[in-house]
Amino acid sequence: MKSLWMNRFANARGFTLLELIITLSIAAILLAIATPSFTNFAQKRAVSQKTLQVRGALELARGLAVSQHQIWTVCTVNAANACVKDDGLRLLVFFDDNLDNSFSAGESLQQEVDINSVQMALAASFGVNYIRFSGTGEAMEMGNFEICSSNQNFDYGRRVIIFRSGRVRLSSDSDSDGYDDDGGVKIECHSG
């Protein structure tokens, strides 16, 4: 009985130390190659998701303005809830009762989007720091929100463009270089 047990495992072999080291080295090399690609993918995805949320907030504000025949405001706000062009903490869709271009207590807040995971800047007509939609659905200011990765080493951005007609569209990659562009010119983030 003992010889049968011994013969069964006599031909079985384990890994040698050299084989194990080579396997681990190959795995480490593959991991080192894949990590930057995954990081870039995750950063692009975060920017794209936030871009879609901003577009959704703008479309919501336009829909509310048309359905309620009132002016609705969209802006990024600081800690004091004042509309700011950049370095905002949140994007708000609200009805500005007192027309002070900031979200005040008692005003109707329809949507709030956290923007801490990205950097966002607004460039609007007349240098204002908000976008408003009138009861006809037209934008009272035209402009764009530029959304960039908060990682200073990753230069990727997208724009949400607001037309005077109230139409909202996203920037696109028209030259297939992997970066969104504006008229063939790459959207540059963190260039200053």
Protein backbone atom coordinates (compact mmCIF):
# COMPACT_ATOMS: atom_id res chain seq x y z
CA MET A 1 0.00 0.00 0.00
CA LYS A 2 2.83 2.36 0.85
CA SER A 3 4.58 1.82 -2.45
CA LEU A 4 1.39 2.67 -4.37
CA TRP A 5 1.14 5.97 -2.47
CA MET A 6 4.80 6.78 -3.13
CA ASN A 7 4.55 5.93 -6.83
CA ARG A 8 1.54 8.17 -7.26
CA PHE A 9 3.44 11.30 -6.22
CA ALA A 10 6.88 10.25 -7.43
CA ASN A 11 6.27 11.76 -10.88
CA ALA A 12 4.59 14.93 -9.58
CA ARG A 13 6.77 18.04 -9.68
CA GLY A 14 6.37 21.48 -8.20
CA PHE A 15 7.70 24.76 -9.55
CA THR A 16 11.36 25.51 -9.19
CA LEU A 17 12.42 28.77 -7.63
CA LEU A 18 13.71 29.97 -10.99
CA GLU A 19 10.36 29.28 -12.72
CA LEU A 20 8.52 31.12 -9.96
CA ILE A 21 10.83 34.17 -10.21
CA ILE A 22 10.45 34.32 -14.00
CA THR A 23 6.66 34.08 -13.76
CA LEU A 24 6.49 36.83 -11.14
CA SER A 25 8.85 39.03 -13.20
CA ILE A 26 6.63 38.70 -16.29
CA ALA A 27 3.53 39.49 -14.22
CA ALA A 28 5.23 42.58 -12.74
CA ILE A 29 6.24 43.83 -16.20
CA LEU A 30 2.69 43.36 -17.54
CA LEU A 31 1.27 45.18 -14.51
CA ALA A 32 3.72 48.06 -14.99
CA ILE A 33 2.64 48.38 -18.62
CA ALA A 34 -1.12 48.18 -17.88
CA THR A 35 -1.28 50.57 -14.90
CA PRO A 36 -0.72 53.86 -16.80
CA SER A 37 -3.25 52.83 -19.46
CA PHE A 38 -5.83 52.04 -16.81
CA THR A 39 -5.14 55.33 -15.02
CA ASN A 40 -5.62 57.27 -18.28
CA PHE A 41 -8.83 55.36 -18.94
CA ALA A 42 -10.15 56.14 -15.46
CA GLN A 43 -9.30 59.86 -15.80
CA LYS A 44 -10.99 60.11 -19.24
CA ARG A 45 -14.03 58.29 -17.90
CA ALA A 46 -14.34 60.66 -14.91
CA VAL A 47 -14.20 63.70 -17.23
CA SER A 48 -16.70 62.17 -19.66
CA GLN A 49 -19.15 61.22 -16.89
CA LYS A 50 -19.03 64.70 -15.38
CA THR A 51 -19.49 66.21 -18.85
CA LEU A 52 -22.67 64.18 -19.32
CA GLN A 53 -23.93 65.28 -15.89
CA VAL A 54 -23.36 68.94 -16.78
CA ARG A 55 -25.18 68.52 -20.09
CA GLY A 56 -28.05 66.84 -18.24
CA ALA A 57 -28.23 69.72 -15.73
CA LEU A 58 -28.35 72.29 -18.54
CA GLU A 59 -31.06 70.36 -20.38
CA LEU A 60 -33.02 70.07 -17.13
CA ALA A 61 -32.82 73.84 -16.59
CA ARG A 62 -34.00 74.48 -20.13
CA GLY A 63 -36.89 72.04 -19.74
CA LEU A 64 -37.95 73.63 -16.44
CA ALA A 65 -37.78 77.11 -17.96
CA VAL A 66 -40.05 76.08 -20.84
CA SER A 67 -42.52 74.08 -18.75
CA GLN A 68 -42.82 76.71 -16.00
CA HIS A 69 -42.33 79.82 -18.18
CA GLN A 70 -39.69 81.08 -15.74
CA ILE A 71 -35.98 81.83 -15.85
CA TRP A 72 -33.81 79.02 -14.43
CA THR A 73 -30.12 79.43 -13.60
CA VAL A 74 -27.20 77.01 -13.87
CA CYS A 75 -23.83 77.79 -12.32
CA THR A 76 -20.98 76.45 -10.27
CA VAL A 77 -20.96 77.81 -6.74
CA ASN A 78 -18.33 78.35 -4.07
CA ALA A 79 -18.73 77.62 -0.35
CA ALA A 80 -20.86 80.77 0.06
CA ASN A 81 -23.23 79.57 -2.72
CA ALA A 82 -22.23 82.47 -4.99
CA CYS A 83 -21.90 81.68 -8.70
CA VAL A 84 -18.26 81.52 -9.83
CA LYS A 85 -16.60 80.97 -13.22
CA ASP A 86 -14.12 78.41 -11.93
CA ASP A 87 -12.99 76.67 -8.74
CA GLY A 88 -16.60 75.92 -7.83
CA LEU A 89 -17.55 73.10 -5.50
CA ARG A 90 -20.94 72.19 -6.96
CA LEU A 91 -23.00 72.80 -10.07
CA LEU A 92 -26.55 73.92 -9.25
CA VAL A 93 -29.79 74.22 -11.20
CA PHE A 94 -31.99 76.68 -9.31
CA PHE A 95 -34.69 79.30 -9.60
CA ASP A 96 -33.09 82.62 -8.61
CA ASP A 97 -36.04 84.38 -6.91
CA ASN A 98 -34.12 87.49 -5.90
CA LEU A 99 -32.00 87.71 -9.08
CA ASP A 100 -28.73 88.02 -7.13
CA ASN A 101 -26.97 85.31 -9.19
CA SER A 102 -26.33 83.16 -6.16
CA PHE A 103 -28.26 80.39 -4.51
CA SER A 104 -29.98 81.79 -1.43
CA ALA A 105 -31.96 80.12 1.35
CA GLY A 106 -35.54 79.52 0.29
CA GLU A 107 -34.83 79.42 -3.44
CA SER A 108 -35.92 76.35 -5.36
CA LEU A 109 -33.00 73.97 -5.96
CA GLN A 110 -33.75 71.40 -8.64
CA GLN A 111 -30.39 69.65 -9.05
CA GLU A 112 -26.94 69.61 -7.46
CA VAL A 113 -23.88 68.01 -9.07
CA ASP A 114 -20.69 67.49 -7.06
CA ILE A 115 -17.69 68.60 -9.13
CA ASN A 116 -14.83 67.92 -6.72
CA SER A 117 -13.45 65.10 -8.90
CA VAL A 118 -12.83 67.42 -11.88
CA GLN A 119 -11.92 71.02 -12.63
CA MET A 120 -14.62 73.05 -14.31
CA ALA A 121 -14.58 76.54 -15.79
CA LEU A 122 -17.34 78.59 -17.41
CA ALA A 123 -16.77 80.95 -20.29
CA ALA A 124 -20.06 82.79 -20.93
CA SER A 125 -21.11 85.82 -22.94
CA PHE A 126 -20.73 89.20 -21.27
CA GLY A 127 -18.29 87.66 -18.78
CA VAL A 128 -21.06 86.42 -16.48
CA ASN A 129 -20.58 83.44 -14.18
CA TYR A 130 -23.90 81.69 -14.86
CA ILE A 131 -26.13 80.43 -17.68
CA ARG A 132 -29.85 81.22 -17.61
CA PHE A 133 -32.67 79.82 -19.70
CA SER A 134 -35.77 81.89 -20.44
CA GLY A 135 -39.35 80.65 -20.60
CA THR A 136 -39.01 80.19 -24.36
CA GLY A 137 -36.09 77.77 -23.89
CA GLU A 138 -33.51 80.19 -25.22
CA ALA A 139 -30.24 80.65 -23.36
CA MET A 140 -29.92 84.21 -22.10
CA GLU A 141 -26.14 83.74 -22.18
CA MET A 142 -24.18 81.52 -24.52
CA GLY A 143 -20.89 79.93 -23.67
CA ASN A 144 -19.32 76.69 -22.53
CA PHE A 145 -18.33 74.73 -19.49
CA GLU A 146 -14.86 73.24 -19.83
CA ILE A 147 -14.38 70.09 -17.78
CA CYS A 148 -10.84 68.85 -17.13
CA SER A 149 -9.24 66.16 -15.05
CA SER A 150 -8.22 67.32 -11.59
CA ASN A 151 -4.92 65.47 -12.13
CA GLN A 152 -2.47 68.16 -13.26
CA ASN A 153 -0.37 65.53 -15.08
CA PHE A 154 -3.26 64.38 -17.26
CA ASP A 155 -4.19 66.82 -20.01
CA TYR A 156 -7.67 65.83 -21.13
CA GLY A 157 -10.78 67.97 -21.31
CA ARG A 158 -14.22 68.22 -22.81
CA ARG A 159 -16.64 71.08 -23.32
CA VAL A 160 -20.37 71.43 -22.93
CA ILE A 161 -21.39 74.13 -25.38
CA ILE A 162 -24.52 76.25 -24.91
CA PHE A 163 -25.92 78.09 -27.92
CA ARG A 164 -28.11 81.18 -27.76
CA SER A 165 -30.99 79.09 -29.13
CA GLY A 166 -30.76 76.97 -25.96
CA ARG A 167 -29.24 73.99 -27.73
CA VAL A 168 -26.66 72.13 -25.66
CA ARG A 169 -24.01 69.95 -27.29
CA LEU A 170 -20.76 68.26 -26.33
CA SER A 171 -17.35 68.78 -27.85
CA SER A 172 -16.04 65.92 -29.98
CA ASP A 173 -12.83 64.50 -31.37
CA SER A 174 -13.07 65.60 -35.01
CA ASP A 175 -9.48 64.72 -35.96
CA SER A 176 -9.35 61.26 -34.25
CA ASP A 177 -6.30 62.02 -32.11
CA GLY A 178 -7.97 60.85 -28.89
CA TYR A 179 -8.62 64.37 -27.61
CA ASP A 180 -11.74 66.49 -27.96
CA ASP A 181 -11.15 69.64 -29.93
CA ASP A 182 -12.70 72.93 -30.83
CA GLY A 183 -12.48 73.55 -34.57
CA GLY A 184 -9.51 71.19 -34.92
CA VAL A 185 -7.64 72.74 -31.98
CA LYS A 186 -7.17 70.40 -29.01
CA ILE A 187 -8.88 71.45 -25.78
CA GLU A 188 -5.94 72.23 -23.49
CA CYS A 189 -6.22 71.73 -19.76
CA HIS A 190 -3.64 72.79 -17.18
CA SER A 191 -1.71 74.81 -19.77
CA GLY A 192 -1.12 77.79 -17.53
